[in-house]
Each structure stands twice: as C-alpha cells, then as structure tokens.
C-alpha atoms as a PDB file:
ATOM      1  CA  MET A   1     197.123 275.952 275.062  1.00  0.00           C
ATOM      2  CA  VAL A   2     199.367 279.185 274.365  1.00  0.00           C
ATOM      3  CA  LYS A   3     197.381 281.731 272.346  1.00  0.00           C
ATOM      4  CA  PRO A   4     199.631 282.796 269.520  1.00  0.00           C
ATOM      5  CA  ALA A   5     200.803 286.072 269.835  1.00  0.00           C
ATOM      6  CA  GLU A   6     198.675 288.718 268.166  1.00  0.00           C
ATOM      7  CA  ASP A   7     200.511 291.243 265.135  1.00  0.00           C
ATOM      8  CA  GLU A   8     199.372 294.479 265.675  1.00  0.00           C
ATOM      9  CA  ARG A   9     201.350 296.187 262.761  1.00  0.00           C
ATOM     10  CA  LEU A  10     199.469 295.084 259.640  1.00  0.00           C
ATOM     11  CA  THR A  11     195.846 294.082 259.707  1.00  0.00           C
ATOM     12  CA  LEU A  12     194.585 291.748 257.159  1.00  0.00           C
ATOM     13  CA  LEU A  13     193.267 293.956 254.905  1.00  0.00           C
ATOM     14  CA  GLN A  14     196.657 296.140 254.873  1.00  0.00           C
ATOM     15  CA  SER A  15     198.641 292.865 254.087  1.00  0.00           C
ATOM     16  CA  LEU A  16     196.465 291.935 251.309  1.00  0.00           C
ATOM     17  CA  PHE A  17     197.005 295.231 249.625  1.00  0.00           C
ATOM     18  CA  CYS A  18     200.775 295.673 250.396  1.00  0.00           C
ATOM     19  CA  GLY A  19     201.288 292.164 248.846  1.00  0.00           C
ATOM     20  CA  GLY A  20     199.193 293.285 245.685  1.00  0.00           C
ATOM     21  CA  ILE A  21     201.133 296.465 244.986  1.00  0.00           C
ATOM     22  CA  ALA A  22     204.262 294.800 245.895  1.00  0.00           C
ATOM     23  CA  GLY A  23     203.305 292.387 242.859  1.00  0.00           C
ATOM     24  CA  VAL A  24     202.216 295.077 240.557  1.00  0.00           C
ATOM     25  CA  LEU A  25     205.621 296.908 240.988  1.00  0.00           C
ATOM     26  CA  SER A  26     207.497 294.063 240.864  1.00  0.00           C
ATOM     27  CA  ARG A  27     206.187 293.015 237.744  1.00  0.00           C
ATOM     28  CA  THR A  28     206.282 296.419 235.914  1.00  0.00           C
ATOM     29  CA  LEU A  29     209.976 296.890 237.005  1.00  0.00           C
ATOM     30  CA  THR A  30     210.906 293.563 236.087  1.00  0.00           C
ATOM     31  CA  SER A  31     208.853 293.704 232.699  1.00  0.00           C
ATOM     32  CA  PRO A  32     211.671 294.925 230.216  1.00  0.00           C
ATOM     33  CA  LEU A  33     214.044 292.001 231.424  1.00  0.00           C
ATOM     34  CA  GLU A  34     211.153 289.840 231.085  1.00  0.00           C
ATOM     35  CA  VAL A  35     210.063 290.646 227.438  1.00  0.00           C
ATOM     36  CA  VAL A  36     213.871 290.638 226.215  1.00  0.00           C
ATOM     37  CA  LYS A  37     214.178 287.055 227.591  1.00  0.00           C
ATOM     38  CA  VAL A  38     211.155 285.749 226.194  1.00  0.00           C
ATOM     39  CA  LEU A  39     211.940 286.915 222.773  1.00  0.00           C
ATOM     40  CA  ALA A  40     215.134 285.140 222.946  1.00  0.00           C
ATOM     41  CA  GLN A  41     213.970 282.285 224.164  1.00  0.00           C
ATOM     42  CA  VAL A  42     211.710 282.340 221.125  1.00  0.00           C
ATOM     43  CA  GLY A  43     214.640 283.263 218.745  1.00  0.00           C
ATOM     44  CA  THR A  44     213.412 286.101 217.198  1.00  0.00           C
ATOM     45  CA  PRO A  45     215.767 288.499 215.182  1.00  0.00           C
ATOM     46  CA  GLU A  46     216.122 291.123 217.367  1.00  0.00           C
ATOM     47  CA  SER A  47     217.839 288.346 219.980  1.00  0.00           C
ATOM     48  CA  ARG A  48     220.257 287.052 217.768  1.00  0.00           C
ATOM     49  CA  PHE A  49     222.732 289.981 218.722  1.00  0.00           C
ATOM     50  CA  GLY A  50     222.825 288.736 222.667  1.00  0.00           C
ATOM     51  CA  PHE A  51     221.028 289.981 225.488  1.00  0.00           C
ATOM     52  CA  ILE A  52     222.453 293.296 226.091  1.00  0.00           C
ATOM     53  CA  ARG A  53     222.007 294.509 222.338  1.00  0.00           C
ATOM     54  CA  SER A  54     218.697 292.875 222.258  1.00  0.00           C
ATOM     55  CA  PHE A  55     217.271 295.794 224.140  1.00  0.00           C
ATOM     56  CA  GLY A  56     218.996 298.635 221.411  1.00  0.00           C
ATOM     57  CA  LYS A  57     217.204 296.490 218.867  1.00  0.00           C
ATOM     58  CA  ILE A  58     213.515 296.061 220.647  1.00  0.00           C
ATOM     59  CA  TYR A  59     213.897 299.708 221.355  1.00  0.00           C
ATOM     60  CA  GLN A  60     214.680 300.763 217.630  1.00  0.00           C
ATOM     61  CA  SER A  61     212.180 298.355 216.033  1.00  0.00           C
ATOM     62  CA  GLU A  62     209.101 299.051 218.404  1.00  0.00           C
ATOM     63  CA  GLY A  63     209.773 302.018 220.621  1.00  0.00           C
ATOM     64  CA  LEU A  64     209.807 301.946 224.177  1.00  0.00           C
ATOM     65  CA  LYS A  65     206.391 300.724 224.866  1.00  0.00           C
ATOM     66  CA  ALA A  66     207.315 297.328 223.363  1.00  0.00           C
ATOM     67  CA  PHE A  67     209.123 296.731 227.122  1.00  0.00           C
ATOM     68  CA  TRP A  68     205.922 296.583 228.503  1.00  0.00           C
ATOM     69  CA  LYS A  69     203.808 294.348 226.001  1.00  0.00           C
ATOM     70  CA  GLY A  70     201.090 292.669 228.410  1.00  0.00           C
ATOM     71  CA  ASN A  71     202.076 294.341 231.538  1.00  0.00           C
ATOM     72  CA  GLY A  72     198.278 295.138 232.153  1.00  0.00           C
ATOM     73  CA  ILE A  73     197.003 291.772 232.117  1.00  0.00           C
ATOM     74  CA  SER A  74     200.278 290.185 233.918  1.00  0.00           C
ATOM     75  CA  CYS A  75     199.401 292.538 236.574  1.00  0.00           C
ATOM     76  CA  LEU A  76     195.983 291.667 236.872  1.00  0.00           C
ATOM     77  CA  ARG A  77     196.821 287.971 237.012  1.00  0.00           C
ATOM     78  CA  LEU A  78     199.148 288.632 239.899  1.00  0.00           C
ATOM     79  CA  VAL A  79     197.411 291.254 242.082  1.00  0.00           C
ATOM     80  CA  PRO A  80     195.093 288.211 243.880  1.00  0.00           C
ATOM     81  CA  TYR A  81     198.064 285.639 243.774  1.00  0.00           C
ATOM     82  CA  SER A  82     200.909 287.746 245.713  1.00  0.00           C
ATOM     83  CA  ALA A  83     198.167 289.638 248.047  1.00  0.00           C
ATOM     84  CA  ILE A  84     197.189 286.060 249.365  1.00  0.00           C
ATOM     85  CA  GLN A  85     200.528 284.956 249.235  1.00  0.00           C
ATOM     86  CA  LEU A  86     202.062 287.868 251.759  1.00  0.00           C
ATOM     87  CA  ALA A  87     198.893 287.825 253.825  1.00  0.00           C
ATOM     88  CA  ALA A  88     199.293 283.709 254.388  1.00  0.00           C
ATOM     89  CA  PHE A  89     203.057 284.168 254.828  1.00  0.00           C
ATOM     90  CA  HIS A  90     202.307 287.131 257.614  1.00  0.00           C
ATOM     91  CA  LYS A  91     199.733 284.964 259.209  1.00  0.00           C
ATOM     92  CA  LEU A  92     201.726 281.660 259.510  1.00  0.00           C
ATOM     93  CA  LEU A  93     205.054 283.403 260.266  1.00  0.00           C
ATOM     94  CA  VAL A  94     203.025 284.880 263.388  1.00  0.00           C
ATOM     95  CA  ARG A  95     202.089 281.831 264.162  1.00  0.00           C
ATOM     96  CA  PHE A  96     205.625 279.580 263.722  1.00  0.00           C
ATOM     97  CA  ILE A  97     207.279 282.333 265.900  1.00  0.00           C
ATOM     98  CA  SER A  98     204.997 282.087 269.056  1.00  0.00           C
ATOM     99  CA  VAL A  99     204.837 278.838 268.730  1.00  0.00           C
ATOM    100  CA  GLY A 100     208.422 278.290 268.096  1.00  0.00           C
ATOM    101  CA  LEU A 101     209.667 280.438 271.230  1.00  0.00           C
ATOM    102  CA  PHE A 102     206.926 278.516 273.212  1.00  0.00           C
ATOM    103  CA  ASN A 103     208.531 275.278 272.283  1.00  0.00           C
ATOM    104  CA  ASN A 104     212.078 276.953 272.823  1.00  0.00           C
ATOM    105  CA  ILE A 105     211.621 277.890 276.425  1.00  0.00           C
ATOM    106  CA  LYS A 106     209.601 274.511 277.224  1.00  0.00           C
ATOM    107  CA  CYS A 107     212.804 272.461 276.023  1.00  0.00           C
ATOM    108  CA  LYS A 108     215.219 274.265 277.830  1.00  0.00           C
ATOM    109  CA  LEU A 109     212.942 274.068 281.015  1.00  0.00           C
ATOM    110  CA  LEU A 110     212.450 270.220 280.667  1.00  0.00           C
ATOM    111  CA  HIS A 111     216.009 269.769 279.828  1.00  0.00           C
ATOM    112  CA  GLU A 112     217.045 271.753 283.218  1.00  0.00           C
ATOM    113  CA  ILE A 113     214.350 269.544 285.232  1.00  0.00           C
ATOM    114  CA  ASP A 114     215.928 266.253 283.791  1.00  0.00           C
ATOM    115  CA  LEU A 115     219.596 267.061 284.897  1.00  0.00           C
END
C-alpha cells in the first residue's frame, strides 16, 4: 500500500488559522456589496435608484459605518466554517494528488505490460 505524500508547507493548525483569516478578510472586503445587495432585495427606498447610486444614498443617510452592518457577527460565524473548509481541502488535496499520481504511473506500467 502506498503512503500518501506528506506536505510540509502547512501544518493543520496553520491551515486552520489561514482559513479563518481568509474568511474574515473576504467577508469584510465584500461587506459593502452585500449590504447594498440585501437592501435591493428587500426593496428599500435607497435601492430604487439602481445599484451604483445606492452606495451614495446609503452613505448620505447612514454614513460609512452602514456598509459594515452586522459584519462582526458574520465574521464570528464564518471563521470556523472557512477554517475547517480550507484545512479539509488541503488534507484531501494532498491525498488525492499522491493517490492520483500513483494510479497514473500504475496504469501506464500495466498498459505497457499488456502490449
């Protein structure tokens, strides 16, 4: 039986940490778009003027902080999710690559023997 290749670049803890940070960063950077999208879906008066003009209307009526409403709670929900997702993806990727390369070599060798 073939042992999967070890990936020495990231430990599990580092992978969890990186996933959590990436989730928080992506949520925080896209929060203004998310706020305008939700307000447009609900049909508020600010969203009647179109997607682009909604940014200005929200800024005029509520200020800059309005674009990050609920971001803290969303980040608390997102940290464990994205951390586990990245760590699992990293572990599975290493396994699939090592098993896939072994199967590819095995198939080529068996094909040569069959000829």
